[in-house]
N, C-alpha and C. Protein backbone atom coordinates (compact mmCIF):
# COMPACT_ATOMS: atom_id res chain seq x y z
N UNK A 1 4.05 77.45 -49.63
CA UNK A 1 2.89 76.15 -48.99
C UNK A 1 3.78 74.79 -48.70
N UNK A 2 3.01 74.11 -47.98
CA UNK A 2 4.08 73.00 -47.69
C UNK A 2 3.25 71.99 -48.86
N UNK A 3 4.30 71.25 -49.27
CA UNK A 3 3.63 70.16 -49.95
C UNK A 3 2.71 69.13 -49.74
N UNK A 4 2.80 69.01 -48.33
CA UNK A 4 1.81 68.36 -47.52
C UNK A 4 0.32 68.91 -47.70
N UNK A 5 0.43 70.42 -47.40
CA UNK A 5 -0.93 70.26 -47.62
C UNK A 5 -1.60 70.20 -49.11
N UNK A 6 -0.79 71.15 -49.77
CA UNK A 6 -1.14 70.60 -51.39
C UNK A 6 -1.67 69.51 -51.54
N UNK A 7 -0.96 68.52 -51.22
CA UNK A 7 -1.01 66.84 -51.76
C UNK A 7 -2.45 66.92 -51.09
N UNK A 8 -2.64 66.86 -49.61
CA UNK A 8 -4.08 66.86 -49.38
C UNK A 8 -4.83 67.67 -49.86
N UNK A 9 -5.03 68.82 -50.11
CA UNK A 9 -5.75 69.61 -51.03
C UNK A 9 -6.26 68.72 -52.32
N UNK A 10 -4.96 68.60 -52.90
CA UNK A 10 -5.23 67.55 -54.43
C UNK A 10 -5.67 66.64 -54.03
N UNK A 11 -5.44 65.46 -53.66
CA UNK A 11 -6.46 64.37 -52.66
C UNK A 11 -7.77 64.52 -53.03
N UNK A 12 -8.00 65.51 -52.33
CA UNK A 12 -9.74 66.08 -51.77
C UNK A 12 -10.37 66.26 -53.22
N UNK A 13 -9.75 66.59 -53.85
CA UNK A 13 -10.12 66.73 -55.18
C UNK A 13 -10.64 66.18 -56.56
N UNK A 14 -11.31 65.57 -57.41
CA UNK A 14 -11.85 65.17 -58.20
C UNK A 14 -10.78 65.29 -59.10
N UNK A 15 -9.95 64.95 -60.28
CA UNK A 15 -9.03 65.25 -60.99
C UNK A 15 -9.67 65.94 -62.33
N UNK A 16 -10.80 65.77 -62.21
CA UNK A 16 -11.45 66.58 -63.66
C UNK A 16 -12.16 68.04 -63.06
N UNK A 17 -12.28 68.03 -61.80
CA UNK A 17 -13.13 69.23 -60.87
C UNK A 17 -12.00 70.26 -61.14
N UNK A 18 -12.08 71.47 -62.49
CA UNK A 18 -11.45 72.10 -62.61
C UNK A 18 -11.99 73.37 -61.69
N UNK A 19 -13.14 73.57 -61.66
CA UNK A 19 -13.48 74.77 -60.94
C UNK A 19 -11.94 74.65 -60.04
N UNK A 20 -12.51 73.72 -59.18
CA UNK A 20 -11.36 73.75 -57.56
C UNK A 20 -10.47 73.50 -57.48
N UNK A 21 -9.66 73.01 -58.67
CA UNK A 21 -8.17 73.48 -59.26
C UNK A 21 -8.59 74.30 -59.64
N UNK A 22 -8.79 75.05 -59.81
CA UNK A 22 -8.53 76.79 -60.04
C UNK A 22 -8.48 77.29 -58.72
N UNK A 23 -9.27 77.22 -57.67
CA UNK A 23 -9.65 77.79 -56.79
C UNK A 23 -8.33 77.64 -56.22
N UNK A 24 -7.86 76.12 -55.94
CA UNK A 24 -6.53 75.75 -55.34
C UNK A 24 -5.46 76.83 -55.82
N UNK A 25 -5.35 77.07 -56.96
CA UNK A 25 -4.06 77.99 -57.78
C UNK A 25 -4.28 79.42 -57.61
N UNK A 26 -5.32 79.65 -57.70
CA UNK A 26 -5.54 81.40 -57.10
C UNK A 26 -5.24 81.88 -56.13
N UNK A 27 -5.97 81.10 -55.40
CA UNK A 27 -5.76 80.93 -53.53
C UNK A 27 -3.90 80.82 -53.05
N UNK A 28 -3.01 80.03 -53.71
CA UNK A 28 -1.76 79.52 -53.51
C UNK A 28 -0.78 80.21 -54.18
N UNK A 29 -0.96 80.71 -55.67
CA UNK A 29 0.16 81.18 -56.65
C UNK A 29 1.26 81.94 -56.26
N UNK A 30 0.58 82.75 -55.18
CA UNK A 30 1.07 83.61 -54.71
C UNK A 30 2.17 83.29 -53.93
N UNK A 31 2.09 82.39 -53.41
CA UNK A 31 3.04 81.78 -52.22
C UNK A 31 4.03 81.51 -52.59
N UNK A 32 5.46 81.89 -51.56
CA UNK A 32 6.66 81.70 -52.55
C UNK A 32 7.11 80.41 -52.62
N UNK A 33 6.48 79.24 -52.08
CA UNK A 33 6.92 77.99 -52.15
C UNK A 33 5.66 76.99 -52.65
N UNK A 34 4.67 77.84 -53.28
CA UNK A 34 3.52 76.90 -54.18
C UNK A 34 4.26 76.12 -55.27
N UNK A 35 5.01 76.81 -56.45
CA UNK A 35 5.44 76.36 -57.54
C UNK A 35 6.57 75.05 -57.16
N UNK A 36 7.84 75.49 -56.22
CA UNK A 36 8.19 74.39 -55.53
C UNK A 36 7.34 73.13 -55.35
N UNK A 37 6.47 73.26 -54.38
CA UNK A 37 5.66 72.56 -53.98
C UNK A 37 4.73 71.72 -55.09
N UNK A 38 4.32 72.08 -56.10
CA UNK A 38 3.38 71.73 -57.08
C UNK A 38 4.73 70.46 -57.67
N UNK A 39 5.69 71.20 -58.07
CA UNK A 39 6.53 70.41 -59.00
C UNK A 39 7.37 69.01 -58.15
N UNK A 40 7.22 68.96 -57.18
CA UNK A 40 7.50 68.19 -55.92
C UNK A 40 6.51 67.07 -56.08
N UNK A 41 5.38 67.25 -55.78
CA UNK A 41 3.92 66.56 -56.41
C UNK A 41 3.94 66.24 -57.42
N UNK A 42 4.61 66.66 -58.37
CA UNK A 42 4.33 66.17 -59.67
C UNK A 42 5.38 65.41 -60.24
N UNK A 43 6.78 65.27 -59.56
CA UNK A 43 7.56 64.56 -60.08
C UNK A 43 7.57 63.33 -58.84
N UNK A 44 7.06 63.63 -57.93
CA UNK A 44 6.68 62.08 -56.74
C UNK A 44 5.63 61.51 -56.76
N UNK A 45 4.57 62.18 -56.79
CA UNK A 45 2.97 61.87 -56.85
C UNK A 45 2.25 61.48 -58.13
N UNK A 46 2.59 60.13 -58.62
CA UNK A 46 2.23 60.01 -59.77
C UNK A 46 0.61 59.09 -59.47
N UNK A 47 -0.09 59.37 -58.31
CA UNK A 47 -1.75 59.86 -58.42
C UNK A 47 -2.24 60.73 -58.25
N UNK A 48 -1.32 61.86 -58.40
CA UNK A 48 -2.09 63.48 -58.55
C UNK A 48 -1.46 63.82 -60.07
N UNK A 49 -0.87 63.00 -61.11
CA UNK A 49 -0.60 63.55 -62.37
C UNK A 49 -1.55 64.46 -63.22
N UNK A 50 -2.96 64.11 -63.31
CA UNK A 50 -3.58 64.87 -63.80
C UNK A 50 -3.70 66.41 -63.00
N UNK A 51 -3.52 65.93 -61.74
CA UNK A 51 -4.16 67.59 -61.01
C UNK A 51 -2.90 68.40 -61.60
N UNK A 52 -1.90 67.84 -61.21
CA UNK A 52 -0.64 68.13 -60.56
C UNK A 52 -0.11 69.18 -62.34
N UNK A 53 -0.55 68.35 -63.26
CA UNK A 53 0.07 68.50 -64.79
C UNK A 53 -0.92 69.92 -65.07
N UNK A 54 -2.49 69.81 -64.72
CA UNK A 54 -3.15 70.42 -64.97
C UNK A 54 -3.16 72.10 -64.52
N UNK A 55 -2.82 72.16 -63.29
CA UNK A 55 -2.06 72.80 -62.32
C UNK A 55 -0.76 73.79 -62.86
N UNK A 56 0.31 73.05 -63.55
CA UNK A 56 1.07 73.82 -64.27
C UNK A 56 1.02 74.26 -65.81
N UNK A 57 -0.11 74.18 -66.54
CA UNK A 57 -0.69 74.33 -67.46
C UNK A 57 -1.34 75.31 -67.35
N UNK A 58 -2.01 75.26 -66.44
CA UNK A 58 -2.88 76.83 -65.41
C UNK A 58 -1.76 78.03 -65.52
N UNK A 59 -0.97 77.49 -65.23
CA UNK A 59 0.28 78.43 -64.40
C UNK A 59 0.60 79.05 -65.48
N UNK A 60 0.95 77.98 -66.94
CA UNK A 60 1.66 78.78 -67.84
C UNK A 60 0.80 79.47 -69.05
N UNK A 61 -0.64 79.08 -68.69
CA UNK A 61 -1.61 79.71 -69.66
C UNK A 61 -1.98 81.48 -68.62
N UNK A 62 -1.85 80.86 -67.56
CA UNK A 62 -1.97 82.39 -66.76
C UNK A 62 -0.98 83.83 -67.53
N UNK A 63 -0.06 83.23 -68.26
CA UNK A 63 1.29 83.95 -68.88
C UNK A 63 2.77 83.98 -67.52
N UNK A 64 2.37 82.72 -66.60
CA UNK A 64 3.59 83.20 -65.91
C UNK A 64 4.70 82.16 -66.92
N UNK A 65 5.57 82.17 -66.01
CA UNK A 65 6.63 81.42 -66.51
C UNK A 65 7.43 79.89 -65.60
N UNK A 66 8.37 79.17 -66.32
CA UNK A 66 9.27 78.48 -65.30
C UNK A 66 10.46 78.89 -65.31
N UNK A 67 11.58 79.03 -64.62
CA UNK A 67 12.92 79.28 -64.95
C UNK A 67 13.08 77.91 -65.66
N UNK A 68 14.36 77.72 -66.05
CA UNK A 68 15.21 76.57 -67.11
C UNK A 68 15.21 75.01 -66.37
N UNK A 69 15.51 75.38 -65.15
CA UNK A 69 15.47 74.28 -64.22
C UNK A 69 14.22 73.57 -63.68
N UNK A 70 13.38 74.49 -63.43
CA UNK A 70 11.89 74.09 -63.72
C UNK A 70 11.16 73.10 -64.74
N UNK A 71 11.85 73.48 -65.61
CA UNK A 71 11.52 73.59 -67.08
C UNK A 71 11.99 72.11 -67.32
N UNK A 72 12.97 71.68 -66.94
CA UNK A 72 14.19 70.99 -67.29
C UNK A 72 13.21 69.73 -66.22
N UNK A 73 12.79 69.76 -65.10
CA UNK A 73 11.96 69.19 -64.46
C UNK A 73 10.61 68.23 -64.77
N UNK A 74 10.04 69.38 -65.11
CA UNK A 74 8.78 69.45 -66.31
C UNK A 74 8.76 68.32 -67.32
N UNK A 75 10.19 68.65 -67.92
CA UNK A 75 10.13 67.46 -69.42
C UNK A 75 11.14 66.95 -68.77
N UNK A 76 11.51 66.26 -67.77
CA UNK A 76 11.98 64.85 -67.23
C UNK A 76 11.06 63.93 -67.19
N UNK A 77 9.42 64.40 -66.75
CA UNK A 77 8.68 63.71 -66.73
C UNK A 77 7.98 63.10 -67.43
N UNK A 78 8.22 63.63 -68.57
CA UNK A 78 6.93 63.20 -69.87
C UNK A 78 7.03 61.82 -70.17
N UNK A 79 8.09 61.21 -70.27
CA UNK A 79 8.29 59.76 -70.62
C UNK A 79 7.47 59.03 -69.52
N UNK A 80 7.25 59.17 -68.19
CA UNK A 80 7.09 58.78 -67.13
C UNK A 80 5.13 59.00 -67.04
N UNK A 81 4.50 60.45 -67.65
CA UNK A 81 3.42 60.05 -67.56
C UNK A 81 2.35 58.84 -68.12
N UNK A 82 1.86 58.44 -66.68
CA UNK A 82 1.03 57.08 -67.32
C UNK A 82 -0.91 57.79 -67.67
N UNK A 83 -1.05 59.00 -67.14
CA UNK A 83 -2.49 59.31 -67.82
C UNK A 83 -2.43 60.05 -68.94
N UNK A 84 -3.31 59.98 -69.82
CA UNK A 84 -2.88 60.98 -71.30
C UNK A 84 -3.36 62.30 -70.79
N UNK A 85 -3.95 62.09 -69.71
CA UNK A 85 -4.48 63.98 -69.59
C UNK A 85 -3.56 64.51 -69.00
N UNK A 86 -2.77 63.70 -68.11
CA UNK A 86 -1.42 64.51 -68.07
C UNK A 86 -0.60 64.67 -69.44
N UNK A 87 0.06 63.46 -69.77
CA UNK A 87 0.86 64.05 -71.34
C UNK A 87 0.26 65.35 -72.19
N UNK A 88 -1.14 65.27 -72.78
CA UNK A 88 -1.47 66.08 -72.82
C UNK A 88 -1.82 67.59 -72.69
N UNK A 89 -1.41 67.67 -71.50
CA UNK A 89 -1.31 68.96 -70.71
C UNK A 89 0.63 69.34 -71.06
N UNK A 90 1.29 68.26 -70.22
CA UNK A 90 2.25 69.14 -70.67
C UNK A 90 2.77 68.96 -72.33
N UNK A 91 2.21 68.47 -73.33
CA UNK A 91 2.54 68.46 -73.96
C UNK A 91 1.48 70.12 -74.95
N UNK A 92 0.91 70.14 -74.30
CA UNK A 92 0.59 71.80 -74.99
C UNK A 92 1.03 72.89 -74.44
N UNK A 93 2.43 72.69 -73.14
CA UNK A 93 2.47 73.87 -72.81
C UNK A 93 4.00 73.80 -73.52
N UNK A 94 4.89 72.53 -74.06
CA UNK A 94 5.66 72.87 -75.11
C UNK A 94 6.16 73.64 -75.83
N UNK A 95 5.28 74.49 -76.75
CA UNK A 95 5.08 76.04 -77.48
C UNK A 95 5.85 76.71 -76.45
N UNK A 96 5.30 77.06 -75.24
CA UNK A 96 5.18 77.80 -74.47
C UNK A 96 5.99 78.22 -73.55
N UNK A 97 6.81 77.26 -73.87
CA UNK A 97 7.64 77.27 -72.80
C UNK A 97 9.38 77.90 -72.74
N UNK A 98 9.28 78.25 -74.23
CA UNK A 98 10.58 78.85 -74.44
C UNK A 98 11.62 78.20 -74.26
N UNK A 99 11.72 76.89 -74.47
CA UNK A 99 12.73 75.88 -75.05
C UNK A 99 13.99 76.17 -75.50
N UNK A 100 15.28 75.77 -75.01
CA UNK A 100 16.10 75.65 -75.76
C UNK A 100 16.70 74.44 -76.30
N UNK A 101 18.00 74.55 -77.60
CA UNK A 101 17.99 73.51 -78.10
C UNK A 101 18.78 72.00 -77.20
N UNK A 102 19.25 72.33 -76.40
CA UNK A 102 19.55 70.97 -75.18
C UNK A 102 18.40 70.17 -74.62
N UNK A 103 17.30 71.18 -74.41
CA UNK A 103 16.05 70.60 -73.94
C UNK A 103 15.27 70.13 -74.90
N UNK A 104 15.65 71.01 -75.78
CA UNK A 104 14.20 70.34 -76.87
C UNK A 104 15.06 68.47 -77.48
N UNK A 105 16.35 68.82 -77.81
CA UNK A 105 16.91 67.64 -78.02
C UNK A 105 16.76 66.40 -76.84
N UNK A 106 16.55 66.75 -75.90
CA UNK A 106 16.42 65.77 -75.06
C UNK A 106 15.05 65.09 -75.25
N UNK A 107 14.07 65.81 -75.16
CA UNK A 107 12.51 65.44 -75.35
C UNK A 107 12.11 64.80 -76.44
N UNK A 108 12.62 64.77 -77.86
CA UNK A 108 13.09 64.35 -79.08
C UNK A 108 12.20 63.46 -79.03
N UNK A 109 12.78 62.11 -78.40
CA UNK A 109 12.14 60.75 -78.47
C UNK A 109 11.05 60.22 -78.09
N UNK A 110 11.11 61.13 -76.78
CA UNK A 110 10.12 61.00 -76.20
C UNK A 110 8.43 61.57 -76.85
N UNK A 111 8.45 62.37 -77.80
CA UNK A 111 7.96 63.28 -78.55
C UNK A 111 7.71 62.68 -79.74
N UNK A 112 8.58 62.29 -80.29
CA UNK A 112 8.68 61.35 -81.66
C UNK A 112 7.49 59.85 -81.00
N UNK A 113 7.79 59.21 -79.83
CA UNK A 113 7.16 58.20 -79.58
C UNK A 113 5.45 58.69 -79.45
N UNK A 114 5.31 59.45 -78.48
CA UNK A 114 3.82 60.12 -78.81
C UNK A 114 3.41 60.61 -79.98
N UNK A 115 4.07 60.67 -80.92
CA UNK A 115 3.04 60.36 -82.13
C UNK A 115 2.28 59.56 -82.36
N UNK A 116 2.54 58.28 -81.34
CA UNK A 116 1.93 57.09 -81.53
C UNK A 116 0.85 56.69 -80.55
N UNK A 117 0.68 57.93 -79.76
CA UNK A 117 -0.09 57.29 -78.83
C UNK A 117 -1.66 57.05 -78.84
N UNK A 118 -2.04 56.22 -78.08
CA UNK A 118 -3.47 55.77 -78.58
C UNK A 118 -4.44 56.77 -78.95
N UNK A 119 -4.54 57.84 -77.86
CA UNK A 119 -5.58 58.70 -77.60
C UNK A 119 -4.94 60.39 -78.99
N UNK A 120 -6.90 60.11 -79.46
CA UNK A 120 -6.04 60.87 -80.30
C UNK A 120 -5.96 62.63 -79.95
N UNK A 121 -6.02 63.17 -78.67
CA UNK A 121 -5.73 64.35 -78.26
C UNK A 121 -4.25 64.57 -77.91
N UNK A 122 -4.09 63.28 -77.41
CA UNK A 122 -2.58 63.19 -76.85
C UNK A 122 -1.42 63.43 -78.32
N UNK A 123 -1.90 62.21 -79.18
CA UNK A 123 -1.36 62.24 -80.74
C UNK A 123 -1.61 63.47 -81.34
N UNK A 124 -2.47 64.90 -81.26
CA UNK A 124 -2.65 66.04 -81.90
C UNK A 124 -1.83 66.64 -81.18
N UNK A 125 -1.86 66.66 -80.21
CA UNK A 125 -0.86 67.27 -78.76
C UNK A 125 1.06 67.38 -79.48
N UNK A 126 0.71 66.37 -79.31
CA UNK A 126 2.27 65.47 -80.06
C UNK A 126 3.13 66.06 -81.25
N UNK A 127 2.06 66.32 -82.09
CA UNK A 127 2.58 66.66 -83.38
C UNK A 127 2.61 68.15 -83.04
N UNK A 128 1.90 68.60 -82.76
CA UNK A 128 2.34 70.45 -82.47
C UNK A 128 3.37 70.38 -81.92
N UNK A 129 3.65 69.49 -80.82
CA UNK A 129 4.89 69.92 -79.68
C UNK A 129 6.26 69.19 -80.71
N UNK A 130 6.42 68.28 -81.48
CA UNK A 130 7.28 67.96 -82.63
C UNK A 130 7.26 69.00 -83.67
N UNK A 131 6.10 69.80 -83.78
CA UNK A 131 6.79 70.71 -84.74
C UNK A 131 7.76 71.85 -84.04
N UNK A 132 7.49 72.12 -82.92
CA UNK A 132 8.40 72.90 -81.69
C UNK A 132 9.78 72.42 -82.11
N UNK A 133 9.72 71.16 -81.86
CA UNK A 133 11.30 70.72 -82.68
C UNK A 133 11.54 70.87 -83.49
N UNK A 134 10.84 70.88 -84.94
CA UNK A 134 11.64 71.20 -86.06
C UNK A 134 11.90 72.07 -85.90
N UNK A 135 11.38 73.41 -85.85
CA UNK A 135 11.23 74.90 -85.37
C UNK A 135 13.05 75.24 -85.09
N UNK A 136 13.36 74.08 -84.05
CA UNK A 136 14.80 74.32 -83.40
C UNK A 136 15.98 73.62 -84.99
N UNK A 137 15.65 72.53 -84.97
CA UNK A 137 15.84 71.96 -85.56
C UNK A 137 15.51 71.53 -86.93
N UNK A 138 16.03 72.63 -87.93
CA UNK A 138 15.11 72.70 -90.02
C UNK A 138 15.63 71.22 -90.04
N UNK A 139 16.57 70.39 -89.82
CA UNK A 139 17.36 69.43 -90.55
C UNK A 139 15.74 68.66 -90.65
N UNK A 140 15.38 68.30 -89.76
CA UNK A 140 13.90 67.36 -89.69
C UNK A 140 13.09 68.01 -90.56
N UNK A 141 12.78 68.82 -90.42
CA UNK A 141 11.27 69.03 -91.81
C UNK A 141 11.43 68.07 -92.41
N UNK A 142 11.81 68.34 -93.44
CA UNK A 142 11.47 66.95 -94.50
C UNK A 142 10.74 66.22 -94.18
N UNK A 143 11.39 65.06 -93.10
CA UNK A 143 10.90 63.63 -92.46
C UNK A 143 9.35 64.49 -92.02
N UNK A 144 9.54 65.24 -91.08
CA UNK A 144 8.55 65.31 -90.50
C UNK A 144 6.80 65.92 -90.98
N UNK A 145 7.44 66.46 -92.41
CA UNK A 145 6.55 67.08 -93.63
C UNK A 145 5.79 65.51 -94.25
N UNK A 146 6.69 64.90 -94.40
CA UNK A 146 6.08 63.57 -94.62
C UNK A 146 5.49 62.21 -93.97
N UNK A 147 6.04 62.58 -92.73
CA UNK A 147 5.41 61.50 -91.64
C UNK A 147 3.98 62.41 -91.24
N UNK A 148 3.54 63.94 -91.66
CA UNK A 148 2.57 64.56 -91.45
C UNK A 148 1.54 64.26 -92.58
N UNK A 149 2.34 64.10 -93.58
CA UNK A 149 1.22 64.15 -94.90
C UNK A 149 0.36 62.07 -94.85
N UNK A 150 1.33 61.38 -94.49
CA UNK A 150 1.03 60.60 -94.40
C UNK A 150 0.28 60.02 -93.04
N UNK A 151 0.35 60.88 -92.37
CA UNK A 151 -0.95 60.99 -90.81
C UNK A 151 -2.42 61.58 -91.72
N UNK A 152 -2.35 62.27 -92.61
CA UNK A 152 -3.17 62.50 -92.78
C UNK A 152 -4.46 61.76 -93.37
N UNK A 153 -3.79 60.43 -93.95
CA UNK A 153 -4.66 59.69 -94.66
C UNK A 153 -5.67 58.71 -93.44
N UNK A 154 -4.92 58.43 -92.31
CA UNK A 154 -5.61 57.43 -91.49
C UNK A 154 -5.74 58.02 -90.15
N UNK A 155 -5.29 59.65 -89.91
CA UNK A 155 -5.47 59.77 -88.40
C UNK A 155 -7.22 60.47 -88.25
N UNK A 156 -7.41 60.52 -86.95
CA UNK A 156 -8.86 60.93 -86.67
C UNK A 156 -9.08 62.01 -87.34
N UNK A 157 -10.67 62.78 -87.09
CA UNK A 157 -10.12 64.10 -87.49
C UNK A 157 -9.62 65.39 -86.69
N UNK A 158 -9.67 65.03 -85.30
CA UNK A 158 -9.07 65.49 -84.30
C UNK A 158 -7.72 65.80 -84.45
N UNK A 159 -6.62 65.02 -85.06
CA UNK A 159 -5.55 65.14 -85.42
C UNK A 159 -5.40 65.57 -86.92
N UNK A 160 -6.51 65.14 -88.02
CA UNK A 160 -5.80 65.69 -88.90
C UNK A 160 -6.01 67.10 -89.25
N UNK A 161 -6.98 68.01 -88.07
CA UNK A 161 -6.75 69.50 -88.12
C UNK A 161 -5.67 69.90 -87.47
N UNK A 162 -5.00 69.75 -86.54
CA UNK A 162 -3.98 69.54 -86.30
C UNK A 162 -2.65 69.78 -87.48
N UNK A 163 -2.73 68.35 -87.84
CA UNK A 163 -1.64 68.29 -89.09
C UNK A 163 -2.15 69.77 -89.94
N UNK A 164 -3.58 69.87 -90.63
CA UNK A 164 -3.18 70.61 -91.91
C UNK A 164 -2.66 71.73 -91.47
N UNK A 165 -3.12 72.59 -90.30
CA UNK A 165 -2.46 73.37 -89.47
C UNK A 165 -0.76 73.47 -89.81
N UNK A 166 -0.21 72.75 -89.06
CA UNK A 166 1.02 72.76 -89.23
C UNK A 166 1.83 72.49 -90.85
N UNK A 167 1.04 71.87 -91.66
CA UNK A 167 1.01 71.43 -92.90
C UNK A 167 1.40 72.91 -93.18
N UNK A 168 0.43 73.86 -93.06
CA UNK A 168 0.86 75.41 -93.51
C UNK A 168 2.13 76.13 -93.52
N UNK A 169 2.49 75.79 -92.01
CA UNK A 169 3.64 76.61 -91.53
C UNK A 169 5.19 75.81 -92.05
N UNK A 170 4.97 74.49 -92.23
CA UNK A 170 6.27 73.69 -92.76
C UNK A 170 7.34 74.60 -93.88
């Protein structure tokens, strides 16, 4: 699929129109260049961040994979995402990407920053993503556990639920 065609389809839909996004995905994901076009738009079109990240997440949730180079591209944009929905989508797929230690090491500072995000859903997803980092780098476990315990005292209920699950597994 040509990136321009995909761009036009995404511009024509509301970023909250899940059924339209799902339809775009299902009609095009078998196209040999759909993922390439999607990732190009994700990287270059900030106005389409919510739509492209939703499609990226849907692709992963449908039990599909990204190769290492594609995963690197997705992760490289994490710190550049401006909408909370886009940040949430990418944080939610981090446990499913099967990242290696070098990829995890590169995203650690960004995810650490997102632990302080103003949006409670982004913050909860950031804690879960950071737990993936701790699994790869166990030397961070003690500090992360303390961060989680301290956050239990002042975070929203949505974040506390995630923190309690994480603390059971640390």
